[in-house]
Structure formats: C-alpha cells, structure tokens
Protein backbone atom coordinates (compact mmCIF):
# COMPACT_ATOMS: atom_id res chain seq x y z
CA MET A 1 -52.10 -24.77 54.15
CA ILE A 2 -53.93 -22.74 56.77
CA SER A 3 -52.39 -19.92 58.58
CA VAL A 4 -53.72 -18.21 61.78
CA ILE A 5 -53.79 -14.38 61.31
CA ILE A 6 -53.61 -12.22 64.66
CA CYS A 7 -54.16 -8.66 65.56
CA CYS A 8 -52.90 -7.38 69.00
CA ASN A 9 -51.87 -10.99 69.70
CA ILE A 10 -55.53 -12.17 69.57
CA PRO A 11 -56.19 -14.71 66.87
CA LEU A 12 -58.97 -13.31 64.57
CA MET A 13 -59.29 -15.59 61.73
CA GLN A 14 -57.88 -18.52 59.91
CA VAL A 15 -57.06 -17.91 56.34
CA ASN A 16 -56.96 -20.43 53.63
CA GLY A 17 -57.09 -20.07 49.55
CA PRO A 18 -59.14 -17.05 48.09
CA GLU A 19 -59.66 -15.42 51.77
CA ARG A 20 -55.84 -14.69 51.75
CA GLU A 21 -56.45 -12.65 48.60
CA ARG A 22 -58.04 -9.96 50.47
CA LEU A 23 -55.27 -9.43 52.90
CA LEU A 24 -52.38 -6.71 51.50
CA LYS A 25 -48.92 -6.91 52.83
CA ALA A 26 -46.93 -3.78 54.03
CA SER A 27 -45.14 -3.71 50.55
CA GLU A 28 -48.59 -3.80 48.68
CA VAL A 29 -50.26 -1.11 50.99
CA ALA A 30 -47.13 1.13 50.68
CA ALA A 31 -47.21 1.09 46.87
CA ILE A 32 -50.99 1.78 46.73
CA LEU A 33 -50.57 4.89 48.98
CA GLY A 34 -47.35 5.92 47.38
CA VAL A 35 -45.24 5.93 50.53
CA THR A 36 -42.43 3.52 51.96
CA ARG A 37 -42.99 0.41 54.08
CA GLN A 38 -40.90 2.46 56.65
CA THR A 39 -43.56 5.42 56.60
CA LEU A 40 -46.22 2.84 57.14
CA TYR A 41 -44.31 1.50 60.34
CA ARG A 42 -43.91 4.99 61.52
CA TRP A 43 -47.63 5.60 61.16
CA GLN A 44 -48.40 2.47 62.76
CA ALA A 45 -46.32 3.01 65.63
CA THR A 46 -47.96 6.77 66.41
CA GLY A 47 -51.49 5.42 65.79
CA ARG A 48 -52.06 7.18 62.47
CA ILE A 49 -53.29 3.98 60.59
CA PRO A 50 -55.18 0.93 61.83
CA LEU A 51 -53.21 -2.05 63.54
CA PRO A 52 -52.49 -4.67 61.02
CA PHE A 53 -53.15 -8.29 61.45
CA ARG A 54 -50.01 -10.22 62.04
CA GLY A 55 -49.09 -13.65 60.42
CA THR A 56 -48.14 -16.33 63.01
CA GLU A 57 -45.91 -18.20 60.44
CA ASN A 58 -43.86 -15.15 59.20
CA ASN A 59 -45.02 -12.05 61.50
CA TYR A 60 -45.92 -9.99 58.28
CA ARG A 61 -48.18 -7.25 58.64
CA TYR A 62 -51.48 -7.43 56.62
CA TRP A 63 -54.09 -5.07 56.09
CA THR A 64 -57.74 -5.53 54.54
CA ILE A 65 -58.78 -3.52 51.55
CA GLN A 66 -61.12 -1.64 54.03
CA ASP A 67 -58.29 -0.59 56.21
CA VAL A 68 -56.53 0.86 52.97
CA GLU A 69 -59.50 2.70 52.00
CA GLN A 70 -59.83 4.13 55.69
CA MET A 71 -56.14 5.24 55.32
CA ARG A 72 -56.46 6.80 52.28
CA ARG A 73 -59.52 8.96 53.62
CA SER A 74 -57.87 9.78 56.96
CA ILE A 75 -54.31 10.77 55.83
CA PRO A 76 -53.76 14.26 54.77
CA ARG A 77 -53.08 14.41 50.91
CA ARG A 78 -49.83 16.19 51.43
CA TRP A 79 -48.39 13.14 53.14
CA LEU A 80 -49.16 11.07 49.95
CA ARG A 81 -47.67 11.31 46.71
CA LYS A 82 -49.70 13.63 44.19
CA GLU A 83 -50.78 10.86 41.71
CA VAL A 84 -52.27 8.78 44.64
CA ALA A 85 -54.32 11.67 46.14
C-alpha cells in the first residue's frame, strides 16, 4: 500500500515499506522526549518544534528521526523529563 505524506498541505513523498519505518507518530515522539502528545501539539501550535508530515489516509502527524533530534537539541532541558535530557 502506498500512502501520500503531506506537509503544510503540499505532498512531499510517497511512503511504502521500509521508508515508512523512518517516520514516527506523535505518540512515539512524545515517548522519546518524555512528554505527552498534548505537549507536542501545543509546541507545534506555538512553532517551537518542526511541523510534522500529515498522512492523507489517517491525518496522523509524522516526524522524521532528524526532526526528533532537532527537537531534543532545541527544547530546553527543564521542559523534558530528567531521564531524557
């Protein structure tokens, strides 16, 4: 199955098979950073983190590993759980 992933309502890539493995859902990113999904959504709304890709079939938010690494570097450590920082 091929899904079109969009960012800012512009199709960016088609994802099929192993390429999908490189995209992380909001719940996965939240677990990595040690925050809630609601916190991610709030940071997204205020521009503190990169905009996610959006799945056209399910409208899920997806971030790349590089996005998560950028978030970990740019978000103040006091906002993250101690074991993540």
